[in-house]
Amino acid sequence: MAWRGQLSKNIKELRLLMCQSSPASSSARAFVEKNYKELKTLNPKLPILIRECSGVEPQLWARYDLGVEKGIKLEGMTEPQILKALEDLVKAGQSLKA
């Protein structure tokens, strides 16, 4: 999982949007609980923003160079699927630099 340490090289900002209590956001909350500390330790200068709002649909957004953003809806995904979606966003950032 070496890609986890490459977040800050390919992404300028990472945002997670979720509801504090809805079942639709439970996997997103589990993802934050299990992965935030390691991701922040490996990428200390990368802004990782956790945005909670009642009733919001869970989403993962990555901002790249020149203001380019990509988002993924997380509803119905498991915590490992969210991790895979993040990996895909990192790889998308690599292709934008090429």
PDB file of N, CA and C in Angstrom:
ATOM      1  N   MET A   1       0.810  -1.188   0.000  1.00  0.00           N
ATOM      2  CA  MET A   1       0.000   0.000   0.000  1.00  0.00           C
ATOM      3  C   MET A   1       0.856   1.255   0.000  1.00  0.00           C
ATOM      4  N   ALA A   2       1.885   1.243  -0.814  1.00  0.00           N
ATOM      5  CA  ALA A   2       2.795   2.384  -0.897  1.00  0.00           C
ATOM      6  C   ALA A   2       2.100   3.633  -1.405  1.00  0.00           C
ATOM      7  N   TRP A   3       0.997   3.474  -2.116  1.00  0.00           N
ATOM      8  CA  TRP A   3       0.278   4.626  -2.650  1.00  0.00           C
ATOM      9  C   TRP A   3      -0.208   5.551  -1.550  1.00  0.00           C
ATOM     10  N   ARG A   4      -0.412   5.037  -0.333  1.00  0.00           N
ATOM     11  CA  ARG A   4      -0.893   5.876   0.771  1.00  0.00           C
ATOM     12  C   ARG A   4       0.080   7.011   1.083  1.00  0.00           C
ATOM     13  N   GLY A   5       1.363   6.757   0.932  1.00  0.00           N
ATOM     14  CA  GLY A   5       2.358   7.787   1.176  1.00  0.00           C
ATOM     15  C   GLY A   5       2.510   8.757   0.017  1.00  0.00           C
ATOM     16  N   GLN A   6       1.849   8.481  -1.098  1.00  0.00           N
ATOM     17  CA  GLN A   6       1.944   9.316  -2.296  1.00  0.00           C
ATOM     18  C   GLN A   6       0.785  10.307  -2.426  1.00  0.00           C
ATOM     19  N   LEU A   7      -0.112  10.329  -1.461  1.00  0.00           N
ATOM     20  CA  LEU A   7      -1.278  11.212  -1.567  1.00  0.00           C
ATOM     21  C   LEU A   7      -0.882  12.652  -1.831  1.00  0.00           C
ATOM     22  N   SER A   8       0.025  13.172  -1.019  1.00  0.00           N
ATOM     23  CA  SER A   8       0.366  14.596  -1.127  1.00  0.00           C
ATOM     24  C   SER A   8       1.127  14.918  -2.410  1.00  0.00           C
ATOM     25  N   LYS A   9       1.677  13.922  -3.083  1.00  0.00           N
ATOM     26  CA  LYS A   9       2.364  14.166  -4.355  1.00  0.00           C
ATOM     27  C   LYS A   9       1.376  14.312  -5.506  1.00  0.00           C
ATOM     28  N   ASN A  10       0.202  13.713  -5.357  1.00  0.00           N
ATOM     29  CA  ASN A  10      -0.767  13.688  -6.454  1.00  0.00           C
ATOM     30  C   ASN A  10      -2.045  14.470  -6.169  1.00  0.00           C
ATOM     31  N   ILE A  11      -2.329  14.753  -4.899  1.00  0.00           N
ATOM     32  CA  ILE A  11      -3.561  15.427  -4.502  1.00  0.00           C
ATOM     33  C   ILE A  11      -3.200  16.661  -3.671  1.00  0.00           C
ATOM     34  N   LYS A  12      -3.897  17.752  -3.911  1.00  0.00           N
ATOM     35  CA  LYS A  12      -3.670  18.992  -3.150  1.00  0.00           C
ATOM     36  C   LYS A  12      -4.563  19.080  -1.921  1.00  0.00           C
ATOM     37  N   GLU A  13      -5.731  18.430  -1.967  1.00  0.00           N
ATOM     38  CA  GLU A  13      -6.665  18.458  -0.841  1.00  0.00           C
ATOM     39  C   GLU A  13      -7.596  17.261  -0.957  1.00  0.00           C
ATOM     40  N   LEU A  14      -7.937  16.666   0.174  1.00  0.00           N
ATOM     41  CA  LEU A  14      -8.858  15.543   0.230  1.00  0.00           C
ATOM     42  C   LEU A  14     -10.010  15.925   1.150  1.00  0.00           C
ATOM     43  N   ARG A  15     -11.260  15.747   0.673  1.00  0.00           N
ATOM     44  CA  ARG A  15     -12.434  16.081   1.479  1.00  0.00           C
ATOM     45  C   ARG A  15     -13.365  14.889   1.561  1.00  0.00           C
ATOM     46  N   LEU A  16     -13.837  14.622   2.777  1.00  0.00           N
ATOM     47  CA  LEU A  16     -14.851  13.598   2.996  1.00  0.00           C
ATOM     48  C   LEU A  16     -16.091  14.286   3.529  1.00  0.00           C
ATOM     49  N   LEU A  17     -17.219  14.078   2.869  1.00  0.00           N
ATOM     50  CA  LEU A  17     -18.489  14.619   3.318  1.00  0.00           C
ATOM     51  C   LEU A  17     -19.320  13.453   3.820  1.00  0.00           C
ATOM     52  N   MET A  18     -19.949  13.637   5.001  1.00  0.00           N
ATOM     53  CA  MET A  18     -20.752  12.554   5.566  1.00  0.00           C
ATOM     54  C   MET A  18     -21.722  13.088   6.597  1.00  0.00           C
ATOM     55  N   CYS A  19     -22.713  12.288   6.909  1.00  0.00           N
ATOM     56  CA  CYS A  19     -23.673  12.583   7.965  1.00  0.00           C
ATOM     57  C   CYS A  19     -23.172  11.930   9.249  1.00  0.00           C
ATOM     58  N   GLN A  20     -23.397  12.596  10.381  1.00  0.00           N
ATOM     59  CA  GLN A  20     -22.922  12.068  11.658  1.00  0.00           C
ATOM     60  C   GLN A  20     -23.692  10.828  12.115  1.00  0.00           C
ATOM     61  N   SER A  21     -24.918  10.650  11.618  1.00  0.00           N
ATOM     62  CA  SER A  21     -25.739   9.581  12.177  1.00  0.00           C
ATOM     63  C   SER A  21     -26.432   8.673  11.160  1.00  0.00           C
ATOM     64  N   SER A  22     -26.481   9.041   9.892  1.00  0.00           N
ATOM     65  CA  SER A  22     -27.249   8.236   8.938  1.00  0.00           C
ATOM     66  C   SER A  22     -26.561   6.902   8.634  1.00  0.00           C
ATOM     67  N   PRO A  23     -27.354   5.862   8.394  1.00  0.00           N
ATOM     68  CA  PRO A  23     -26.786   4.570   8.012  1.00  0.00           C
ATOM     69  C   PRO A  23     -26.005   4.636   6.695  1.00  0.00           C
ATOM     70  N   ALA A  24     -26.396   5.526   5.797  1.00  0.00           N
ATOM     71  CA  ALA A  24     -25.707   5.655   4.504  1.00  0.00           C
ATOM     72  C   ALA A  24     -24.258   6.088   4.680  1.00  0.00           C
ATOM     73  N   SER A  25     -23.974   6.810   5.762  1.00  0.00           N
ATOM     74  CA  SER A  25     -22.617   7.304   6.007  1.00  0.00           C
ATOM     75  C   SER A  25     -21.809   6.429   6.962  1.00  0.00           C
ATOM     76  N   SER A  26     -22.358   5.305   7.388  1.00  0.00           N
ATOM     77  CA  SER A  26     -21.653   4.481   8.382  1.00  0.00           C
ATOM     78  C   SER A  26     -20.306   3.974   7.876  1.00  0.00           C
ATOM     79  N   SER A  27     -20.230   3.580   6.613  1.00  0.00           N
ATOM     80  CA  SER A  27     -18.954   3.106   6.059  1.00  0.00           C
ATOM     81  C   SER A  27     -17.947   4.241   5.951  1.00  0.00           C
ATOM     82  N   ALA A  28     -18.417   5.434   5.617  1.00  0.00           N
ATOM     83  CA  ALA A  28     -17.523   6.592   5.539  1.00  0.00           C
ATOM     84  C   ALA A  28     -16.969   6.922   6.920  1.00  0.00           C
ATOM     85  N   ARG A  29     -17.811   6.831   7.941  1.00  0.00           N
ATOM     86  CA  ARG A  29     -17.333   7.078   9.314  1.00  0.00           C
ATOM     87  C   ARG A  29     -16.320   6.015   9.730  1.00  0.00           C
ATOM     88  N   ALA A  30     -16.578   4.757   9.371  1.00  0.00           N
ATOM     89  CA  ALA A  30     -15.640   3.672   9.676  1.00  0.00           C
ATOM     90  C   ALA A  30     -14.315   3.898   8.957  1.00  0.00           C
ATOM     91  N   PHE A  31     -14.376   4.359   7.710  1.00  0.00           N
ATOM     92  CA  PHE A  31     -13.162   4.646   6.947  1.00  0.00           C
ATOM     93  C   PHE A  31     -12.318   5.705   7.658  1.00  0.00           C
ATOM     94  N   VAL A  32     -12.948   6.768   8.109  1.00  0.00           N
ATOM     95  CA  VAL A  32     -12.221   7.836   8.807  1.00  0.00           C
ATOM     96  C   VAL A  32     -11.599   7.300  10.091  1.00  0.00           C
ATOM     97  N   GLU A  33     -12.367   6.553  10.867  1.00  0.00           N
ATOM     98  CA  GLU A  33     -11.863   6.012  12.135  1.00  0.00           C
ATOM     99  C   GLU A  33     -10.658   5.101  11.931  1.00  0.00           C
ATOM    100  N   LYS A  34     -10.668   4.285  10.885  1.00  0.00           N
ATOM    101  CA  LYS A  34      -9.601   3.317  10.660  1.00  0.00           C
ATOM    102  C   LYS A  34      -8.389   3.883   9.918  1.00  0.00           C
ATOM    103  N   ASN A  35      -8.601   4.904   9.074  1.00  0.00           N
ATOM    104  CA  ASN A  35      -7.531   5.309   8.161  1.00  0.00           C
ATOM    105  C   ASN A  35      -7.001   6.725   8.329  1.00  0.00           C
ATOM    106  N   TYR A  36      -7.738   7.610   8.975  1.00  0.00           N
ATOM    107  CA  TYR A  36      -7.320   9.006   9.041  1.00  0.00           C
ATOM    108  C   TYR A  36      -5.928   9.169   9.651  1.00  0.00           C
ATOM    109  N   LYS A  37      -5.692   8.543  10.784  1.00  0.00           N
ATOM    110  CA  LYS A  37      -4.419   8.726  11.486  1.00  0.00           C
ATOM    111  C   LYS A  37      -3.231   8.316  10.610  1.00  0.00           C
ATOM    112  N   GLU A  38      -3.320   7.159   9.972  1.00  0.00           N
ATOM    113  CA  GLU A  38      -2.219   6.697   9.125  1.00  0.00           C
ATOM    114  C   GLU A  38      -2.031   7.602   7.905  1.00  0.00           C
ATOM    115  N   LEU A  39      -3.129   7.985   7.261  1.00  0.00           N
ATOM    116  CA  LEU A  39      -3.026   8.846   6.081  1.00  0.00           C
ATOM    117  C   LEU A  39      -2.410  10.198   6.447  1.00  0.00           C
ATOM    118  N   LYS A  40      -2.799  10.746   7.591  1.00  0.00           N
ATOM    119  CA  LYS A  40      -2.265  12.042   8.012  1.00  0.00           C
ATOM    120  C   LYS A  40      -0.797  11.912   8.436  1.00  0.00           C
ATOM    121  N   THR A  41      -0.430  10.819   9.063  1.00  0.00           N
ATOM    122  CA  THR A  41       0.961  10.586   9.451  1.00  0.00           C
ATOM    123  C   THR A  41       1.856  10.482   8.225  1.00  0.00           C
ATOM    124  N   LEU A  42       1.385   9.787   7.187  1.00  0.00           N
ATOM    125  CA  LEU A  42       2.168   9.609   5.966  1.00  0.00           C
ATOM    126  C   LEU A  42       2.181  10.863   5.085  1.00  0.00           C
ATOM    127  N   ASN A  43       1.183  11.736   5.259  1.00  0.00           N
ATOM    128  CA  ASN A  43       1.043  12.946   4.435  1.00  0.00           C
ATOM    129  C   ASN A  43       0.736  14.141   5.335  1.00  0.00           C
ATOM    130  N   PRO A  44       1.693  14.550   6.173  1.00  0.00           N
ATOM    131  CA  PRO A  44       1.400  15.566   7.195  1.00  0.00           C
ATOM    132  C   PRO A  44       0.988  16.934   6.649  1.00  0.00           C
ATOM    133  N   LYS A  45       1.411  17.287   5.448  1.00  0.00           N
ATOM    134  CA  LYS A  45       1.076  18.610   4.914  1.00  0.00           C
ATOM    135  C   LYS A  45      -0.180  18.616   4.043  1.00  0.00           C
ATOM    136  N   LEU A  46      -0.734  17.449   3.771  1.00  0.00           N
ATOM    137  CA  LEU A  46      -1.933  17.349   2.953  1.00  0.00           C
ATOM    138  C   LEU A  46      -3.165  17.707   3.782  1.00  0.00           C
ATOM    139  N   PRO A  47      -3.958  18.696   3.327  1.00  0.00           N
ATOM    140  CA  PRO A  47      -5.212  18.969   4.033  1.00  0.00           C
ATOM    141  C   PRO A  47      -6.208  17.827   3.807  1.00  0.00           C
ATOM    142  N   ILE A  48      -6.597  17.176   4.887  1.00  0.00           N
ATOM    143  CA  ILE A  48      -7.623  16.136   4.832  1.00  0.00           C
ATOM    144  C   ILE A  48      -8.801  16.680   5.631  1.00  0.00           C
ATOM    145  N   LEU A  49      -9.841  17.083   4.915  1.00  0.00           N
ATOM    146  CA  LEU A  49     -10.976  17.751   5.542  1.00  0.00           C
ATOM    147  C   LEU A  49     -12.130  16.781   5.725  1.00  0.00           C
ATOM    148  N   ILE A  50     -12.653  16.717   6.941  1.00  0.00           N
ATOM    149  CA  ILE A  50     -13.801  15.881   7.257  1.00  0.00           C
ATOM    150  C   ILE A  50     -14.968  16.839   7.482  1.00  0.00           C
ATOM    151  N   ARG A  51     -15.967  16.773   6.625  1.00  0.00           N
ATOM    152  CA  ARG A  51     -17.107  17.677   6.707  1.00  0.00           C
ATOM    153  C   ARG A  51     -18.358  16.869   7.038  1.00  0.00           C
ATOM    154  N   GLU A  52     -18.963  17.181   8.187  1.00  0.00           N
ATOM    155  CA  GLU A  52     -20.168  16.489   8.615  1.00  0.00           C
ATOM    156  C   GLU A  52     -21.362  17.437   8.525  1.00  0.00           C
ATOM    157  N   CYS A  53     -22.450  16.921   7.984  1.00  0.00           N
ATOM    158  CA  CYS A  53     -23.675  17.697   7.869  1.00  0.00           C
ATOM    159  C   CYS A  53     -24.840  16.715   7.925  1.00  0.00           C
ATOM    160  N   SER A  54     -25.815  17.040   8.714  1.00  0.00           N
ATOM    161  CA  SER A  54     -26.968  16.155   8.865  1.00  0.00           C
ATOM    162  C   SER A  54     -27.663  15.912   7.540  1.00  0.00           C
ATOM    163  N   GLY A  55     -27.818  14.648   7.187  1.00  0.00           N
ATOM    164  CA  GLY A  55     -28.543  14.261   5.988  1.00  0.00           C
ATOM    165  C   GLY A  55     -27.771  14.326   4.683  1.00  0.00           C
ATOM    166  N   VAL A  56     -26.505  14.701   4.719  1.00  0.00           N
ATOM    167  CA  VAL A  56     -25.731  14.814   3.478  1.00  0.00           C
ATOM    168  C   VAL A  56     -25.366  13.423   2.950  1.00  0.00           C
ATOM    169  N   GLU A  57     -25.286  13.313   1.634  1.00  0.00           N
ATOM    170  CA  GLU A  57     -24.880  12.062   0.990  1.00  0.00           C
ATOM    171  C   GLU A  57     -23.365  11.905   1.155  1.00  0.00           C
ATOM    172  N   PRO A  58     -22.872  10.720   1.569  1.00  0.00           N
ATOM    173  CA  PRO A  58     -21.424  10.555   1.742  1.00  0.00           C
ATOM    174  C   PRO A  58     -20.682  10.640   0.407  1.00  0.00           C
ATOM    175  N   GLN A  59     -19.622  11.442   0.396  1.00  0.00           N
ATOM    176  CA  GLN A  59     -18.831  11.653  -0.809  1.00  0.00           C
ATOM    177  C   GLN A  59     -17.360  11.802  -0.458  1.00  0.00           C
ATOM    178  N   LEU A  60     -16.511  11.488  -1.405  1.00  0.00           N
ATOM    179  CA  LEU A  60     -15.067  11.667  -1.290  1.00  0.00           C
ATOM    180  C   LEU A  60     -14.627  12.534  -2.461  1.00  0.00           C
ATOM    181  N   TRP A  61     -13.939  13.651  -2.156  1.00  0.00           N
ATOM    182  CA  TRP A  61     -13.495  14.596  -3.185  1.00  0.00           C
ATOM    183  C   TRP A  61     -11.998  14.777  -3.105  1.00  0.00           C
ATOM    184  N   ALA A  62     -11.360  14.824  -4.253  1.00  0.00           N
ATOM    185  CA  ALA A  62      -9.929  15.113  -4.342  1.00  0.00           C
ATOM    186  C   ALA A  62      -9.757  16.352  -5.216  1.00  0.00           C
ATOM    187  N   ARG A  63      -8.921  17.283  -4.743  1.00  0.00           N
ATOM    188  CA  ARG A  63      -8.587  18.463  -5.545  1.00  0.00           C
ATOM    189  C   ARG A  63      -7.147  18.305  -6.000  1.00  0.00           C
ATOM    190  N   TYR A  64      -6.929  18.519  -7.294  1.00  0.00           N
ATOM    191  CA  TYR A  64      -5.610  18.361  -7.908  1.00  0.00           C
ATOM    192  C   TYR A  64      -5.063  19.732  -8.292  1.00  0.00           C
ATOM    193  N   ASP A  65      -3.949  19.738  -9.023  1.00  0.00           N
ATOM    194  CA  ASP A  65      -3.373  20.981  -9.534  1.00  0.00           C
ATOM    195  C   ASP A  65      -4.378  21.719 -10.409  1.00  0.00           C
ATOM    196  N   LEU A  66      -4.230  23.026 -10.471  1.00  0.00           N
ATOM    197  CA  LEU A  66      -5.045  23.904 -11.318  1.00  0.00           C
ATOM    198  C   LEU A  66      -6.530  23.836 -10.995  1.00  0.00           C
ATOM    199  N   GLY A  67      -6.871  23.455  -9.767  1.00  0.00           N
ATOM    200  CA  GLY A  67      -8.258  23.460  -9.329  1.00  0.00           C
ATOM    201  C   GLY A  67      -9.127  22.336  -9.851  1.00  0.00           C
ATOM    202  N   VAL A  68      -8.533  21.361 -10.498  1.00  0.00           N
ATOM    203  CA  VAL A  68      -9.295  20.208 -11.004  1.00  0.00           C
ATOM    204  C   VAL A  68      -9.762  19.378  -9.811  1.00  0.00           C
ATOM    205  N   GLU A  69     -11.038  19.009  -9.791  1.00  0.00           N
ATOM    206  CA  GLU A  69     -11.593  18.196  -8.704  1.00  0.00           C
ATOM    207  C   GLU A  69     -12.299  16.976  -9.266  1.00  0.00           C
ATOM    208  N   LYS A  70     -12.236  15.884  -8.512  1.00  0.00           N
ATOM    209  CA  LYS A  70     -12.970  14.659  -8.847  1.00  0.00           C
ATOM    210  C   LYS A  70     -13.644  14.180  -7.572  1.00  0.00           C
ATOM    211  N   GLY A  71     -14.884  13.749  -7.709  1.00  0.00           N
ATOM    212  CA  GLY A  71     -15.635  13.276  -6.558  1.00  0.00           C
ATOM    213  C   GLY A  71     -16.228  11.908  -6.803  1.00  0.00           C
ATOM    214  N   ILE A  72     -16.428  11.175  -5.702  1.00  0.00           N
ATOM    215  CA  ILE A  72     -17.018   9.836  -5.765  1.00  0.00           C
ATOM    216  C   ILE A  72     -18.099   9.754  -4.691  1.00  0.00           C
ATOM    217  N   LYS A  73     -19.269   9.274  -5.074  1.00  0.00           N
ATOM    218  CA  LYS A  73     -20.343   9.059  -4.111  1.00  0.00           C
ATOM    219  C   LYS A  73     -20.063   7.746  -3.381  1.00  0.00           C
ATOM    220  N   LEU A  74     -20.163   7.774  -2.052  1.00  0.00           N
ATOM    221  CA  LEU A  74     -19.770   6.623  -1.251  1.00  0.00           C
ATOM    222  C   LEU A  74     -20.945   5.793  -0.735  1.00  0.00           C
ATOM    223  N   GLU A  75     -22.160   6.232  -0.979  1.00  0.00           N
ATOM    224  CA  GLU A  75     -23.321   5.512  -0.459  1.00  0.00           C
ATOM    225  C   GLU A  75     -23.346   4.086  -0.994  1.00  0.00           C
ATOM    226  N   GLY A  76     -23.507   3.135  -0.096  1.00  0.00           N
ATOM    227  CA  GLY A  76     -23.554   1.724  -0.474  1.00  0.00           C
ATOM    228  C   GLY A  76     -22.192   1.055  -0.554  1.00  0.00           C
ATOM    229  N   MET A  77     -21.130   1.817  -0.373  1.00  0.00           N
ATOM    230  CA  MET A  77     -19.781   1.239  -0.421  1.00  0.00           C
ATOM    231  C   MET A  77     -19.360   0.770   0.970  1.00  0.00           C
ATOM    232  N   THR A  78     -18.524  -0.269   0.997  1.00  0.00           N
ATOM    233  CA  THR A  78     -17.933  -0.726   2.252  1.00  0.00           C
ATOM    234  C   THR A  78     -16.646   0.058   2.504  1.00  0.00           C
ATOM    235  N   GLU A  79     -16.118  -0.071   3.697  1.00  0.00           N
ATOM    236  CA  GLU A  79     -14.874   0.635   4.044  1.00  0.00           C
ATOM    237  C   GLU A  79     -13.720   0.241   3.109  1.00  0.00           C
ATOM    238  N   PRO A  80     -13.519  -1.063   2.783  1.00  0.00           N
ATOM    239  CA  PRO A  80     -12.461  -1.411   1.820  1.00  0.00           C
ATOM    240  C   PRO A  80     -12.709  -0.842   0.418  1.00  0.00           C
ATOM    241  N   GLN A  81     -13.968  -0.742   0.015  1.00  0.00           N
ATOM    242  CA  GLN A  81     -14.276  -0.155  -1.287  1.00  0.00           C
ATOM    243  C   GLN A  81     -13.951   1.344  -1.302  1.00  0.00           C
ATOM    244  N   ILE A  82     -14.165   2.006  -0.168  1.00  0.00           N
ATOM    245  CA  ILE A  82     -13.823   3.429  -0.071  1.00  0.00           C
ATOM    246  C   ILE A  82     -12.314   3.593  -0.177  1.00  0.00           C
ATOM    247  N   LEU A  83     -11.563   2.713   0.456  1.00  0.00           N
ATOM    248  CA  LEU A  83     -10.106   2.751   0.363  1.00  0.00           C
ATOM    249  C   LEU A  83      -9.653   2.567  -1.086  1.00  0.00           C
ATOM    250  N   LYS A  84     -10.300   1.651  -1.812  1.00  0.00           N
ATOM    251  CA  LYS A  84      -9.992   1.441  -3.228  1.00  0.00           C
ATOM    252  C   LYS A  84     -10.347   2.677  -4.050  1.00  0.00           C
ATOM    253  N   ALA A  85     -11.462   3.328  -3.718  1.00  0.00           N
ATOM    254  CA  ALA A  85     -11.856   4.556  -4.425  1.00  0.00           C
ATOM    255  C   ALA A  85     -10.818   5.649  -4.207  1.00  0.00           C
ATOM    256  N   LEU A  86     -10.288   5.744  -2.989  1.00  0.00           N
ATOM    257  CA  LEU A  86      -9.234   6.724  -2.712  1.00  0.00           C
ATOM    258  C   LEU A  86      -7.983   6.404  -3.523  1.00  0.00           C
ATOM    259  N   GLU A  87      -7.637   5.133  -3.598  1.00  0.00           N
ATOM    260  CA  GLU A  87      -6.481   4.730  -4.402  1.00  0.00           C
ATOM    261  C   GLU A  87      -6.684   5.128  -5.869  1.00  0.00           C
ATOM    262  N   ASP A  88      -7.901   4.953  -6.372  1.00  0.00           N
ATOM    263  CA  ASP A  88      -8.201   5.334  -7.751  1.00  0.00           C
ATOM    264  C   ASP A  88      -8.056   6.849  -7.952  1.00  0.00           C
ATOM    265  N   LEU A  89      -8.456   7.635  -6.949  1.00  0.00           N
ATOM    266  CA  LEU A  89      -8.297   9.090  -7.036  1.00  0.00           C
ATOM    267  C   LEU A  89      -6.820   9.483  -7.048  1.00  0.00           C
ATOM    268  N   VAL A  90      -6.004   8.769  -6.277  1.00  0.00           N
ATOM    269  CA  VAL A  90      -4.557   9.031  -6.270  1.00  0.00           C
ATOM    270  C   VAL A  90      -3.971   8.723  -7.645  1.00  0.00           C
ATOM    271  N   LYS A  91      -4.372   7.596  -8.224  1.00  0.00           N
ATOM    272  CA  LYS A  91      -3.878   7.228  -9.553  1.00  0.00           C
ATOM    273  C   LYS A  91      -4.349   8.233 -10.611  1.00  0.00           C
ATOM    274  N   ALA A  92      -5.555   8.747 -10.456  1.00  0.00           N
ATOM    275  CA  ALA A  92      -6.055   9.774 -11.386  1.00  0.00           C
ATOM    276  C   ALA A  92      -5.191  11.023 -11.295  1.00  0.00           C
ATOM    277  N   GLY A  93      -4.718  11.351 -10.095  1.00  0.00           N
ATOM    278  CA  GLY A  93      -3.831  12.493  -9.914  1.00  0.00           C
ATOM    279  C   GLY A  93      -2.506  12.288 -10.608  1.00  0.00           C
ATOM    280  N   GLN A  94      -1.996  11.060 -10.603  1.00  0.00           N
ATOM    281  CA  GLN A  94      -0.749  10.752 -11.315  1.00  0.00           C
ATOM    282  C   GLN A  94      -0.927  10.955 -12.805  1.00  0.00           C
ATOM    283  N   SER A  95      -2.063  10.503 -13.331  1.00  0.00           N
ATOM    284  CA  SER A  95      -2.270  10.634 -14.776  1.00  0.00           C
ATOM    285  C   SER A  95      -2.466  12.081 -15.189  1.00  0.00           C
ATOM    286  N   LEU A  96      -2.979  12.920 -14.306  1.00  0.00           N
ATOM    287  CA  LEU A  96      -3.137  14.342 -14.619  1.00  0.00           C
ATOM    288  C   LEU A  96      -1.784  15.044 -14.715  1.00  0.00           C
ATOM    289  N   LYS A  97      -0.790  14.532 -13.977  1.00  0.00           N
ATOM    290  CA  LYS A  97       0.545  15.138 -14.009  1.00  0.00           C
ATOM    291  C   LYS A  97       1.337  14.716 -15.235  1.00  0.00           C
ATOM    292  N   ALA A  98       0.975  13.568 -15.802  1.00  0.00           N
ATOM    293  CA  ALA A  98       1.743  13.051 -16.941  1.00  0.00           C
ATOM    294  C   ALA A  98       1.501  13.823 -18.208  1.00  0.00           C
TER     295      ALA A  98
END
